[in-house]
PDB file of N, CA and C in Angstrom:
ATOM      1  N   MET A   1      93.978 170.301 124.452  1.00  0.00           N
ATOM      2  CA  MET A   1      93.404 171.100 123.153  1.00  0.00           C
ATOM      3  C   MET A   1      94.653 171.587 122.463  1.00  0.00           C
ATOM      4  N   ILE A   2      95.757 171.824 122.993  1.00  0.00           N
ATOM      5  CA  ILE A   2      96.716 172.700 121.921  1.00  0.00           C
ATOM      6  C   ILE A   2      97.557 171.401 121.638  1.00  0.00           C
ATOM      7  N   TYR A   3      97.612 170.103 122.032  1.00  0.00           N
ATOM      8  CA  TYR A   3      98.370 169.372 121.767  1.00  0.00           C
ATOM      9  C   TYR A   3      97.573 168.581 120.579  1.00  0.00           C
ATOM     10  N   ARG A   4      96.361 168.296 120.886  1.00  0.00           N
ATOM     11  CA  ARG A   4      95.466 167.574 119.705  1.00  0.00           C
ATOM     12  C   ARG A   4      95.440 168.632 118.136  1.00  0.00           C
ATOM     13  N   ALA A   5      95.605 169.962 118.186  1.00  0.00           N
ATOM     14  CA  ALA A   5      95.981 170.865 117.376  1.00  0.00           C
ATOM     15  C   ALA A   5      97.276 170.817 116.992  1.00  0.00           C
ATOM     16  N   LEU A   6      98.281 170.286 117.508  1.00  0.00           N
ATOM     17  CA  LEU A   6      99.622 170.086 117.203  1.00  0.00           C
ATOM     18  C   LEU A   6      99.499 168.990 116.562  1.00  0.00           C
ATOM     19  N   ALA A   7      98.978 167.839 117.085  1.00  0.00           N
ATOM     20  CA  ALA A   7      98.934 166.602 116.268  1.00  0.00           C
ATOM     21  C   ALA A   7      98.000 166.684 114.895  1.00  0.00           C
ATOM     22  N   ASP A   8      97.127 167.394 114.583  1.00  0.00           N
ATOM     23  CA  ASP A   8      96.510 167.510 113.728  1.00  0.00           C
ATOM     24  C   ASP A   8      97.277 168.359 112.762  1.00  0.00           C
ATOM     25  N   ALA A   9      98.229 169.479 112.912  1.00  0.00           N
ATOM     26  CA  ALA A   9      98.847 170.064 112.356  1.00  0.00           C
ATOM     27  C   ALA A   9     100.217 169.071 111.725  1.00  0.00           C
ATOM     28  N   VAL A  10     100.580 168.307 112.639  1.00  0.00           N
ATOM     29  CA  VAL A  10     101.942 167.420 112.238  1.00  0.00           C
ATOM     30  C   VAL A  10     101.320 166.370 110.895  1.00  0.00           C
ATOM     31  N   LEU A  11      99.906 166.151 111.139  1.00  0.00           N
ATOM     32  CA  LEU A  11      99.281 164.914 110.287  1.00  0.00           C
ATOM     33  C   LEU A  11      99.144 165.669 108.792  1.00  0.00           C
ATOM     34  N   VAL A  12      98.590 166.994 108.737  1.00  0.00           N
ATOM     35  CA  VAL A  12      98.317 167.705 107.759  1.00  0.00           C
ATOM     36  C   VAL A  12      99.594 167.946 107.199  1.00  0.00           C
ATOM     37  N   LEU A  13     100.834 168.166 107.704  1.00  0.00           N
ATOM     38  CA  LEU A  13     101.975 168.449 107.210  1.00  0.00           C
ATOM     39  C   LEU A  13     102.692 166.953 106.315  1.00  0.00           C
ATOM     40  N   HIS A  14     102.342 166.039 107.342  1.00  0.00           N
ATOM     41  CA  HIS A  14     102.672 164.501 107.039  1.00  0.00           C
ATOM     42  C   HIS A  14     102.020 164.509 105.774  1.00  0.00           C
ATOM     43  N   LEU A  15     100.871 164.415 105.430  1.00  0.00           N
ATOM     44  CA  LEU A  15     100.181 164.249 103.918  1.00  0.00           C
ATOM     45  C   LEU A  15     100.689 165.194 103.146  1.00  0.00           C
ATOM     46  N   GLY A  16     100.967 166.539 103.223  1.00  0.00           N
ATOM     47  CA  GLY A  16     101.342 167.110 102.169  1.00  0.00           C
ATOM     48  C   GLY A  16     102.735 166.544 101.890  1.00  0.00           C
ATOM     49  N   PHE A  17     103.644 166.244 103.008  1.00  0.00           N
ATOM     50  CA  PHE A  17     104.964 165.759 102.350  1.00  0.00           C
ATOM     51  C   PHE A  17     104.718 164.552 101.615  1.00  0.00           C
ATOM     52  N   VAL A  18     103.685 163.589 101.905  1.00  0.00           N
ATOM     53  CA  VAL A  18     103.685 162.614 101.109  1.00  0.00           C
ATOM     54  C   VAL A  18     103.168 162.823  99.833  1.00  0.00           C
ATOM     55  N   LEU A  19     102.135 163.726  99.448  1.00  0.00           N
ATOM     56  CA  LEU A  19     101.620 163.965  98.498  1.00  0.00           C
ATOM     57  C   LEU A  19     102.686 164.600  97.444  1.00  0.00           C
ATOM     58  N   PHE A  20     103.929 165.648  98.533  1.00  0.00           N
ATOM     59  CA  PHE A  20     104.806 166.110  97.510  1.00  0.00           C
ATOM     60  C   PHE A  20     105.876 165.202  97.080  1.00  0.00           C
ATOM     61  N   VAL A  21     106.009 163.875  97.956  1.00  0.00           N
ATOM     62  CA  VAL A  21     106.981 162.960  97.396  1.00  0.00           C
ATOM     63  C   VAL A  21     106.287 162.243  96.133  1.00  0.00           C
ATOM     64  N   VAL A  22     105.105 161.824  96.496  1.00  0.00           N
ATOM     65  CA  VAL A  22     104.603 161.293  95.181  1.00  0.00           C
ATOM     66  C   VAL A  22     104.443 162.047  93.792  1.00  0.00           C
ATOM     67  N   LEU A  23     103.839 163.328  93.887  1.00  0.00           N
ATOM     68  CA  LEU A  23     103.469 164.173  92.746  1.00  0.00           C
ATOM     69  C   LEU A  23     104.302 165.333  92.427  1.00  0.00           C
ATOM     70  N   GLY A  24     105.335 165.740  93.630  1.00  0.00           N
ATOM     71  CA  GLY A  24     106.294 166.774  93.284  1.00  0.00           C
ATOM     72  C   GLY A  24     107.193 166.539  92.090  1.00  0.00           C
ATOM     73  N   GLY A  25     107.708 165.616  91.536  1.00  0.00           N
ATOM     74  CA  GLY A  25     107.993 165.517  90.343  1.00  0.00           C
ATOM     75  C   GLY A  25     107.423 166.050  89.043  1.00  0.00           C
ATOM     76  N   LEU A  26     106.085 166.267  89.368  1.00  0.00           N
ATOM     77  CA  LEU A  26     105.351 166.452  88.132  1.00  0.00           C
ATOM     78  C   LEU A  26     105.271 168.152  88.337  1.00  0.00           C
ATOM     79  N   LEU A  27     105.677 168.819  89.335  1.00  0.00           N
ATOM     80  CA  LEU A  27     105.698 170.059  89.251  1.00  0.00           C
ATOM     81  C   LEU A  27     107.142 170.463  88.760  1.00  0.00           C
ATOM     82  N   VAL A  28     108.201 169.893  88.703  1.00  0.00           N
ATOM     83  CA  VAL A  28     109.303 170.130  88.351  1.00  0.00           C
ATOM     84  C   VAL A  28     109.737 170.782  86.862  1.00  0.00           C
ATOM     85  N   PRO A  29     108.913 170.231  86.079  1.00  0.00           N
ATOM     86  CA  PRO A  29     108.911 170.627  84.674  1.00  0.00           C
ATOM     87  C   PRO A  29     108.828 171.846  84.692  1.00  0.00           C
ATOM     88  N   ARG A  30     107.688 172.388  85.260  1.00  0.00           N
ATOM     89  CA  ARG A  30     107.426 173.722  85.242  1.00  0.00           C
ATOM     90  C   ARG A  30     108.200 174.809  85.922  1.00  0.00           C
ATOM     91  N   TRP A  31     108.650 174.408  87.366  1.00  0.00           N
ATOM     92  CA  TRP A  31     109.652 175.253  88.309  1.00  0.00           C
ATOM     93  C   TRP A  31     110.916 174.209  88.517  1.00  0.00           C
ATOM     94  N   PRO A  32     112.046 174.159  87.806  1.00  0.00           N
ATOM     95  CA  PRO A  32     112.859 173.160  87.712  1.00  0.00           C
ATOM     96  C   PRO A  32     113.702 173.444  89.050  1.00  0.00           C
ATOM     97  N   THR A  33     113.718 174.559  89.716  1.00  0.00           N
ATOM     98  CA  THR A  33     114.616 174.729  90.885  1.00  0.00           C
ATOM     99  C   THR A  33     113.889 173.853  91.861  1.00  0.00           C
ATOM    100  N   LEU A  34     112.829 173.608  91.777  1.00  0.00           N
ATOM    101  CA  LEU A  34     111.964 172.713  93.129  1.00  0.00           C
ATOM    102  C   LEU A  34     112.558 171.208  93.116  1.00  0.00           C
ATOM    103  N   ALA A  35     113.448 170.967  92.100  1.00  0.00           N
ATOM    104  CA  ALA A  35     114.068 169.655  92.297  1.00  0.00           C
ATOM    105  C   ALA A  35     115.124 169.653  93.227  1.00  0.00           C
ATOM    106  N   TRP A  36     115.532 170.631  93.662  1.00  0.00           N
ATOM    107  CA  TRP A  36     116.483 170.898  94.898  1.00  0.00           C
ATOM    108  C   TRP A  36     115.743 170.532  96.316  1.00  0.00           C
ATOM    109  N   LEU A  37     114.481 170.529  96.433  1.00  0.00           N
ATOM    110  CA  LEU A  37     113.474 169.992  97.374  1.00  0.00           C
ATOM    111  C   LEU A  37     113.210 169.097  97.401  1.00  0.00           C
ATOM    112  N   HIS A  38     112.526 168.591  95.991  1.00  0.00           N
ATOM    113  CA  HIS A  38     111.654 167.397  95.897  1.00  0.00           C
ATOM    114  C   HIS A  38     112.648 166.173  95.624  1.00  0.00           C
ATOM    115  N   ILE A  39     113.806 166.150  95.162  1.00  0.00           N
ATOM    116  CA  ILE A  39     114.847 165.006  95.035  1.00  0.00           C
ATOM    117  C   ILE A  39     114.938 164.322  96.252  1.00  0.00           C
ATOM    118  N   PRO A  40     115.475 165.165  97.199  1.00  0.00           N
ATOM    119  CA  PRO A  40     115.961 164.439  98.843  1.00  0.00           C
ATOM    120  C   PRO A  40     114.481 163.927  99.509  1.00  0.00           C
ATOM    121  N   ALA A  41     113.763 164.912  98.993  1.00  0.00           N
ATOM    122  CA  ALA A  41     112.213 164.267  99.785  1.00  0.00           C
ATOM    123  C   ALA A  41     111.603 163.075  99.252  1.00  0.00           C
ATOM    124  N   ALA A  42     111.771 162.940  97.957  1.00  0.00           N
ATOM    125  CA  ALA A  42     111.524 161.833  97.239  1.00  0.00           C
ATOM    126  C   ALA A  42     112.375 160.465  97.542  1.00  0.00           C
ATOM    127  N   ILE A  43     113.641 160.999  97.788  1.00  0.00           N
ATOM    128  CA  ILE A  43     114.792 160.050  98.204  1.00  0.00           C
ATOM    129  C   ILE A  43     114.076 159.192  99.617  1.00  0.00           C
ATOM    130  N   TRP A  44     113.973 160.138 100.521  1.00  0.00           N
ATOM    131  CA  TRP A  44     113.472 159.762 101.776  1.00  0.00           C
ATOM    132  C   TRP A  44     112.331 159.075 101.706  1.00  0.00           C
ATOM    133  N   GLY A  45     111.165 159.590 100.728  1.00  0.00           N
ATOM    134  CA  GLY A  45     109.857 158.626 101.215  1.00  0.00           C
ATOM    135  C   GLY A  45     109.958 157.299 100.439  1.00  0.00           C
ATOM    136  N   VAL A  46     110.815 157.351  99.332  1.00  0.00           N
ATOM    137  CA  VAL A  46     111.215 155.757  98.485  1.00  0.00           C
ATOM    138  C   VAL A  46     112.188 155.003  99.836  1.00  0.00           C
ATOM    139  N   LEU A  47     112.967 155.714 100.428  1.00  0.00           N
ATOM    140  CA  LEU A  47     113.544 154.723 101.490  1.00  0.00           C
ATOM    141  C   LEU A  47     112.667 154.471 102.597  1.00  0.00           C
ATOM    142  N   ILE A  48     111.593 155.394 103.301  1.00  0.00           N
ATOM    143  CA  ILE A  48     111.036 154.962 104.335  1.00  0.00           C
ATOM    144  C   ILE A  48     109.685 153.743 103.640  1.00  0.00           C
ATOM    145  N   GLU A  49     109.716 153.868 102.673  1.00  0.00           N
ATOM    146  CA  GLU A  49     108.735 152.481 102.024  1.00  0.00           C
ATOM    147  C   GLU A  49     109.422 151.252 101.798  1.00  0.00           C
ATOM    148  N   PHE A  50     110.602 151.574 101.226  1.00  0.00           N
ATOM    149  CA  PHE A  50     111.448 150.045 100.670  1.00  0.00           C
ATOM    150  C   PHE A  50     111.991 149.588 102.169  1.00  0.00           C
ATOM    151  N   THR A  51     112.356 150.416 103.198  1.00  0.00           N
ATOM    152  CA  THR A  51     113.210 149.797 104.421  1.00  0.00           C
ATOM    153  C   THR A  51     111.882 149.893 105.546  1.00  0.00           C
ATOM    154  N   GLY A  52     110.945 150.201 105.450  1.00  0.00           N
ATOM    155  CA  GLY A  52     109.834 149.530 106.614  1.00  0.00           C
ATOM    156  C   GLY A  52     110.394 150.701 108.013  1.00  0.00           C
ATOM    157  N   TRP A  53     111.051 151.665 107.515  1.00  0.00           N
ATOM    158  CA  TRP A  53     111.487 152.946 108.360  1.00  0.00           C
ATOM    159  C   TRP A  53     110.222 153.306 108.981  1.00  0.00           C
ATOM    160  N   ILE A  54     110.184 154.149 110.115  1.00  0.00           N
ATOM    161  CA  ILE A  54     109.031 155.007 110.538  1.00  0.00           C
ATOM    162  C   ILE A  54     109.473 156.286 110.320  1.00  0.00           C
ATOM    163  N   CYS A  55     108.846 157.110 109.541  1.00  0.00           N
ATOM    164  CA  CYS A  55     109.022 158.636 109.247  1.00  0.00           C
ATOM    165  C   CYS A  55     109.018 159.434 110.953  1.00  0.00           C
ATOM    166  N   PRO A  56     109.948 160.238 110.892  1.00  0.00           N
ATOM    167  CA  PRO A  56     109.782 160.957 112.362  1.00  0.00           C
ATOM    168  C   PRO A  56     108.765 161.785 112.528  1.00  0.00           C
ATOM    169  N   LEU A  57     107.984 161.924 111.561  1.00  0.00           N
ATOM    170  CA  LEU A  57     106.482 162.625 111.703  1.00  0.00           C
ATOM    171  C   LEU A  57     105.482 161.917 112.433  1.00  0.00           C
ATOM    172  N   THR A  58     105.588 160.536 112.471  1.00  0.00           N
ATOM    173  CA  THR A  58     104.695 159.776 112.896  1.00  0.00           C
ATOM    174  C   THR A  58     104.760 159.405 114.299  1.00  0.00           C
ATOM    175  N   PRO A  59     105.920 159.304 115.215  1.00  0.00           N
ATOM    176  CA  PRO A  59     105.837 159.363 116.454  1.00  0.00           C
ATOM    177  C   PRO A  59     105.792 160.862 116.970  1.00  0.00           C
ATOM    178  N   LEU A  60     106.083 161.784 116.206  1.00  0.00           N
ATOM    179  CA  LEU A  60     105.877 163.591 116.988  1.00  0.00           C
ATOM    180  C   LEU A  60     104.352 163.343 117.237  1.00  0.00           C
ATOM    181  N   GLU A  61     103.624 163.001 115.881  1.00  0.00           N
ATOM    182  CA  GLU A  61     101.995 163.025 116.185  1.00  0.00           C
ATOM    183  C   GLU A  61     101.651 162.414 117.090  1.00  0.00           C
ATOM    184  N   ASN A  62     102.376 161.145 117.397  1.00  0.00           N
ATOM    185  CA  ASN A  62     101.469 160.287 118.127  1.00  0.00           C
ATOM    186  C   ASN A  62     102.009 160.862 119.683  1.00  0.00           C
ATOM    187  N   SER A  63     103.082 161.486 119.822  1.00  0.00           N
ATOM    188  CA  SER A  63     103.462 162.203 120.968  1.00  0.00           C
ATOM    189  C   SER A  63     102.567 163.100 121.191  1.00  0.00           C
ATOM    190  N   PHE A  64     102.171 164.004 120.306  1.00  0.00           N
ATOM    191  CA  PHE A  64     101.076 165.042 120.419  1.00  0.00           C
ATOM    192  C   PHE A  64      99.686 164.516 121.149  1.00  0.00           C
ATOM    193  N   ARG A  65      99.478 163.503 120.449  1.00  0.00           N
ATOM    194  CA  ARG A  65      98.033 162.886 120.758  1.00  0.00           C
ATOM    195  C   ARG A  65      98.047 162.365 122.308  1.00  0.00           C
ATOM    196  N   GLU A  66      98.997 161.585 122.530  1.00  0.00           N
ATOM    197  CA  GLU A  66      99.116 161.092 123.846  1.00  0.00           C
ATOM    198  C   GLU A  66      99.384 162.217 125.181  1.00  0.00           C
ATOM    199  N   ARG A  67     100.119 163.481 124.839  1.00  0.00           N
ATOM    200  CA  ARG A  67     100.193 164.347 125.287  1.00  0.00           C
ATOM    201  C   ARG A  67      98.661 165.146 125.727  1.00  0.00           C
ATOM    202  N   GLY A  68      97.988 164.816 124.577  1.00  0.00           N
ATOM    203  CA  GLY A  68      96.882 165.518 124.348  1.00  0.00           C
ATOM    204  C   GLY A  68      95.318 164.580 125.267  1.00  0.00           C
ATOM    205  N   GLY A  69      95.749 163.742 125.289  1.00  0.00           N
ATOM    206  CA  GLY A  69      95.109 162.525 126.300  1.00  0.00           C
ATOM    207  C   GLY A  69      94.172 161.634 125.306  1.00  0.00           C
ATOM    208  N   GLU A  70      94.870 161.632 123.853  1.00  0.00           N
ATOM    209  CA  GLU A  70      93.874 160.679 123.250  1.00  0.00           C
ATOM    210  C   GLU A  70      94.500 159.545 123.179  1.00  0.00           C
ATOM    211  N   ALA A  71      93.902 158.604 122.903  1.00  0.00           N
ATOM    212  CA  ALA A  71      94.144 156.935 123.323  1.00  0.00           C
ATOM    213  C   ALA A  71      94.212 156.383 121.704  1.00  0.00           C
ATOM    214  N   GLY A  72      94.210 157.059 120.477  1.00  0.00           N
ATOM    215  CA  GLY A  72      94.203 156.583 119.289  1.00  0.00           C
ATOM    216  C   GLY A  72      93.663 157.611 118.155  1.00  0.00           C
ATOM    217  N   TYR A  73      93.243 157.184 117.256  1.00  0.00           N
ATOM    218  CA  TYR A  73      93.194 158.038 116.059  1.00  0.00           C
ATOM    219  C   TYR A  73      91.624 158.258 115.856  1.00  0.00           C
ATOM    220  N   SER A  74      90.790 158.510 116.747  1.00  0.00           N
ATOM    221  CA  SER A  74      89.567 158.904 116.577  1.00  0.00           C
ATOM    222  C   SER A  74      89.159 160.344 116.811  1.00  0.00           C
ATOM    223  N   GLY A  75      88.182 160.594 116.205  1.00  0.00           N
ATOM    224  CA  GLY A  75      87.749 161.815 116.361  1.00  0.00           C
ATOM    225  C   GLY A  75      87.274 162.724 115.074  1.00  0.00           C
ATOM    226  N   GLY A  76      87.791 163.879 114.670  1.00  0.00           N
ATOM    227  CA  GLY A  76      87.095 164.781 113.850  1.00  0.00           C
ATOM    228  C   GLY A  76      87.448 164.552 112.517  1.00  0.00           C
ATOM    229  N   PHE A  77      87.431 165.469 111.516  1.00  0.00           N
ATOM    230  CA  PHE A  77      87.324 165.338 110.245  1.00  0.00           C
ATOM    231  C   PHE A  77      88.824 164.788 109.793  1.00  0.00           C
ATOM    232  N   ILE A  78      89.819 165.577 110.080  1.00  0.00           N
ATOM    233  CA  ILE A  78      91.301 165.074 109.952  1.00  0.00           C
ATOM    234  C   ILE A  78      91.465 163.714 110.515  1.00  0.00           C
ATOM    235  N   GLN A  79      90.941 163.323 111.787  1.00  0.00           N
ATOM    236  CA  GLN A  79      91.384 161.585 111.918  1.00  0.00           C
ATOM    237  C   GLN A  79      90.546 160.740 111.041  1.00  0.00           C
ATOM    238  N   HIS A  80      89.221 161.301 110.536  1.00  0.00           N
ATOM    239  CA  HIS A  80      88.506 160.252 109.753  1.00  0.00           C
ATOM    240  C   HIS A  80      88.921 160.402 108.305  1.00  0.00           C
ATOM    241  N   TYR A  81      89.053 161.361 107.772  1.00  0.00           N
ATOM    242  CA  TYR A  81      89.507 161.270 106.451  1.00  0.00           C
ATOM    243  C   TYR A  81      90.695 161.261 106.111  1.00  0.00           C
ATOM    244  N   ILE A  82      91.710 162.048 106.504  1.00  0.00           N
ATOM    245  CA  ILE A  82      93.142 162.077 106.366  1.00  0.00           C
ATOM    246  C   ILE A  82      93.843 160.996 106.691  1.00  0.00           C
ATOM    247  N   GLN A  83      93.925 160.839 107.831  1.00  0.00           N
ATOM    248  CA  GLN A  83      94.793 159.551 108.598  1.00  0.00           C
ATOM    249  C   GLN A  83      94.544 158.327 107.893  1.00  0.00           C
ATOM    250  N   PRO A  84      93.390 157.891 107.401  1.00  0.00           N
ATOM    251  CA  PRO A  84      93.530 156.496 106.565  1.00  0.00           C
ATOM    252  C   PRO A  84      94.222 156.595 105.422  1.00  0.00           C
ATOM    253  N   LEU A  85      94.540 157.740 104.810  1.00  0.00           N
ATOM    254  CA  LEU A  85      95.449 158.028 103.787  1.00  0.00           C
ATOM    255  C   LEU A  85      96.844 157.645 104.138  1.00  0.00           C
ATOM    256  N   LEU A  86      97.370 158.062 105.153  1.00  0.00           N
ATOM    257  CA  LEU A  86      98.336 157.778 105.718  1.00  0.00           C
ATOM    258  C   LEU A  86      98.718 156.390 106.324  1.00  0.00           C
ATOM    259  N   TYR A  87      97.678 156.335 107.396  1.00  0.00           N
ATOM    260  CA  TYR A  87      98.019 154.998 107.737  1.00  0.00           C
ATOM    261  C   TYR A  87      96.783 153.906 107.535  1.00  0.00           C
ATOM    262  N   PRO A  88      96.734 153.383 106.105  1.00  0.00           N
ATOM    263  CA  PRO A  88      95.837 152.350 105.879  1.00  0.00           C
ATOM    264  C   PRO A  88      96.080 151.191 106.476  1.00  0.00           C
ATOM    265  N   ALA A  89      94.547 150.767 106.795  1.00  0.00           N
ATOM    266  CA  ALA A  89      94.460 149.469 107.658  1.00  0.00           C
ATOM    267  C   ALA A  89      95.074 148.274 106.615  1.00  0.00           C
ATOM    268  N   GLY A  90      95.751 147.281 107.093  1.00  0.00           N
ATOM    269  CA  GLY A  90      96.417 146.179 106.499  1.00  0.00           C
ATOM    270  C   GLY A  90      97.297 146.283 105.955  1.00  0.00           C
ATOM    271  N   LEU A  91      98.237 147.494 106.060  1.00  0.00           N
ATOM    272  CA  LEU A  91      99.349 148.085 105.639  1.00  0.00           C
ATOM    273  C   LEU A  91     100.445 146.865 105.569  1.00  0.00           C
ATOM    274  N   THR A  92     100.799 146.239 104.364  1.00  0.00           N
ATOM    275  CA  THR A  92     101.949 145.028 104.648  1.00  0.00           C
ATOM    276  C   THR A  92     103.223 145.285 103.909  1.00  0.00           C
ATOM    277  N   ARG A  93     104.310 144.729 104.317  1.00  0.00           N
ATOM    278  CA  ARG A  93     105.533 144.976 103.654  1.00  0.00           C
ATOM    279  C   ARG A  93     105.466 145.065 101.995  1.00  0.00           C
ATOM    280  N   SER A  94     104.723 144.147 101.612  1.00  0.00           N
ATOM    281  CA  SER A  94     104.786 144.101  99.750  1.00  0.00           C
ATOM    282  C   SER A  94     103.696 145.361  99.288  1.00  0.00           C
ATOM    283  N   THR A  95     102.853 146.148 100.363  1.00  0.00           N
ATOM    284  CA  THR A  95     101.921 147.003  99.994  1.00  0.00           C
ATOM    285  C   THR A  95     103.097 148.301 100.132  1.00  0.00           C
ATOM    286  N   GLN A  96     103.868 148.104 101.159  1.00  0.00           N
ATOM    287  CA  GLN A  96     104.802 149.150 101.211  1.00  0.00           C
ATOM    288  C   GLN A  96     105.993 149.348  99.937  1.00  0.00           C
ATOM    289  N   PHE A  97     106.168 148.216  99.611  1.00  0.00           N
ATOM    290  CA  PHE A  97     107.360 148.195  98.449  1.00  0.00           C
ATOM    291  C   PHE A  97     106.297 148.743  97.230  1.00  0.00           C
ATOM    292  N   ALA A  98     105.020 148.582  96.931  1.00  0.00           N
ATOM    293  CA  ALA A  98     104.485 148.771  95.946  1.00  0.00           C
ATOM    294  C   ALA A  98     104.390 150.277  95.999  1.00  0.00           C
ATOM    295  N   LEU A  99     104.050 150.841  96.997  1.00  0.00           N
ATOM    296  CA  LEU A  99     104.090 152.245  97.045  1.00  0.00           C
ATOM    297  C   LEU A  99     105.129 152.973  96.791  1.00  0.00           C
ATOM    298  N   GLY A 100     106.472 152.387  97.256  1.00  0.00           N
ATOM    299  CA  GLY A 100     107.691 152.959  97.161  1.00  0.00           C
ATOM    300  C   GLY A 100     108.069 152.796  95.578  1.00  0.00           C
ATOM    301  N   GLY A 101     107.588 151.638  95.182  1.00  0.00           N
ATOM    302  CA  GLY A 101     107.633 151.684  93.296  1.00  0.00           C
ATOM    303  C   GLY A 101     106.996 152.488  92.849  1.00  0.00           C
ATOM    304  N   ILE A 102     106.027 152.928  93.140  1.00  0.00           N
ATOM    305  CA  ILE A 102     104.764 153.667  92.492  1.00  0.00           C
ATOM    306  C   ILE A 102     105.861 155.127  92.311  1.00  0.00           C
ATOM    307  N   ALA A 103     106.262 155.750  93.497  1.00  0.00           N
ATOM    308  CA  ALA A 103     106.643 156.978  93.875  1.00  0.00           C
ATOM    309  C   ALA A 103     107.903 156.970  93.070  1.00  0.00           C
ATOM    310  N   LEU A 104     108.513 156.013  93.161  1.00  0.00           N
ATOM    311  CA  LEU A 104     109.953 155.985  92.355  1.00  0.00           C
ATOM    312  C   LEU A 104     109.667 156.282  90.934  1.00  0.00           C
ATOM    313  N   ILE A 105     108.703 155.222  90.445  1.00  0.00           N
ATOM    314  CA  ILE A 105     108.491 155.190  88.985  1.00  0.00           C
ATOM    315  C   ILE A 105     107.731 156.708  88.230  1.00  0.00           C
ATOM    316  N   LEU A 106     106.684 157.251  89.551  1.00  0.00           N
ATOM    317  CA  LEU A 106     106.480 158.324  88.908  1.00  0.00           C
ATOM    318  C   LEU A 106     107.377 159.547  88.609  1.00  0.00           C
ATOM    319  N   ASN A 107     108.321 159.544  89.548  1.00  0.00           N
ATOM    320  CA  ASN A 107     109.561 160.350  89.786  1.00  0.00           C
ATOM    321  C   ASN A 107     110.289 160.616  88.910  1.00  0.00           C
ATOM    322  N   LEU A 108     110.724 159.145  88.549  1.00  0.00           N
ATOM    323  CA  LEU A 108     111.723 158.716  87.671  1.00  0.00           C
ATOM    324  C   LEU A 108     111.423 159.322  85.810  1.00  0.00           C
ATOM    325  N   ALA A 109     109.968 159.029  85.983  1.00  0.00           N
ATOM    326  CA  ALA A 109     109.252 159.542  84.749  1.00  0.00           C
ATOM    327  C   ALA A 109     108.987 161.167  84.557  1.00  0.00           C
ATOM    328  N   ALA A 110     108.886 161.479  85.614  1.00  0.00           N
ATOM    329  CA  ALA A 110     108.708 163.122  85.594  1.00  0.00           C
ATOM    330  C   ALA A 110     110.256 163.811  85.291  1.00  0.00           C
ATOM    331  N   TYR A 111     111.149 163.168  85.894  1.00  0.00           N
ATOM    332  CA  TYR A 111     112.631 163.791  85.769  1.00  0.00           C
ATOM    333  C   TYR A 111     113.064 163.183  84.571  1.00  0.00           C
ATOM    334  N   GLY A 112     112.697 162.322  83.894  1.00  0.00           N
ATOM    335  CA  GLY A 112     112.655 161.827  82.445  1.00  0.00           C
ATOM    336  C   GLY A 112     112.586 163.099  81.666  1.00  0.00           C
ATOM    337  N   VAL A 113     111.374 163.424  81.941  1.00  0.00           N
ATOM    338  CA  VAL A 113     110.740 164.632  80.861  1.00  0.00           C
ATOM    339  C   VAL A 113     111.569 166.046  80.831  1.00  0.00           C
ATOM    340  N   VAL A 114     111.996 166.140  82.292  1.00  0.00           N
ATOM    341  CA  VAL A 114     112.770 167.192  82.580  1.00  0.00           C
ATOM    342  C   VAL A 114     114.087 167.011  81.889  1.00  0.00           C
ATOM    343  N   MET A 115     114.649 166.207  81.882  1.00  0.00           N
ATOM    344  CA  MET A 115     115.840 165.951  81.482  1.00  0.00           C
ATOM    345  C   MET A 115     115.782 165.879  79.856  1.00  0.00           C
ATOM    346  N   SER A 116     114.573 165.588  79.007  1.00  0.00           N
ATOM    347  CA  SER A 116     114.528 165.276  77.736  1.00  0.00           C
ATOM    348  C   SER A 116     114.453 166.786  77.230  1.00  0.00           C
ATOM    349  N   LYS A 117     113.657 167.695  78.126  1.00  0.00           N
ATOM    350  CA  LYS A 117     113.291 168.976  77.714  1.00  0.00           C
ATOM    351  C   LYS A 117     114.751 169.565  77.512  1.00  0.00           C
ATOM    352  N   MET A 118     115.643 169.341  78.865  1.00  0.00           N
ATOM    353  CA  MET A 118     116.708 170.234  78.828  1.00  0.00           C
ATOM    354  C   MET A 118     117.571 169.859  77.551  1.00  0.00           C
ATOM    355  N   ARG A 119     117.563 168.632  77.233  1.00  0.00           N
ATOM    356  CA  ARG A 119     118.691 168.176  76.205  1.00  0.00           C
ATOM    357  C   ARG A 119     118.190 168.856  74.866  1.00  0.00           C
ATOM    358  N   SER A 120     117.064 168.741  74.631  1.00  0.00           N
ATOM    359  CA  SER A 120     116.358 169.299  73.485  1.00  0.00           C
ATOM    360  C   SER A 120     116.514 171.011  73.279  1.00  0.00           C
ATOM    361  N   GLY A 121     116.823 171.331  74.469  1.00  0.00           N
ATOM    362  CA  GLY A 121     116.503 173.116  74.391  1.00  0.00           C
ATOM    363  C   GLY A 121     115.182 173.633  74.495  1.00  0.00           C
ATOM    364  N   VAL A 122     114.011 172.554  74.535  1.00  0.00           N
ATOM    365  CA  VAL A 122     112.689 173.303  74.897  1.00  0.00           C
ATOM    366  C   VAL A 122     112.553 174.054  76.173  1.00  0.00           C
ATOM    367  N   PRO A 123     112.040 175.283  75.971  1.00  0.00           N
ATOM    368  CA  PRO A 123     111.979 176.030  77.064  1.00  0.00           C
ATOM    369  C   PRO A 123     110.988 175.660  77.946  1.00  0.00           C
ATOM    370  N   ARG A 124     111.106 176.173  79.305  1.00  0.00           N
ATOM    371  CA  ARG A 124     110.146 175.695  80.709  1.00  0.00           C
ATOM    372  C   ARG A 124     108.409 176.351  79.845  1.00  0.00           C
TER     373      ARG A 124
END
């Protein structure tokens, strides 16, 4: 039971991290110091998508699931609704490149706004 709870916690953390990678740049104009956390996270997220690497949170979650006696991603709310967001069916390399590109473009645009405001002296 504890391992399933740990696996679910890692899954929720993973989803939060993915959302932060993709959308965190939109928070930076409001809280500029957040960029110190977001830029490395965004670089990591884009690298994961472009290179096809596996995020360390994925094997950690799978390890907890195996220790908890689970043989896959079946089960409750988290498994049914959140997992498909992180592990979509039919995920291909071209889809990963597209996702990485979307994350990169969104973040470059957000940081472009931040840089523009800084240059023009517009207060946050």
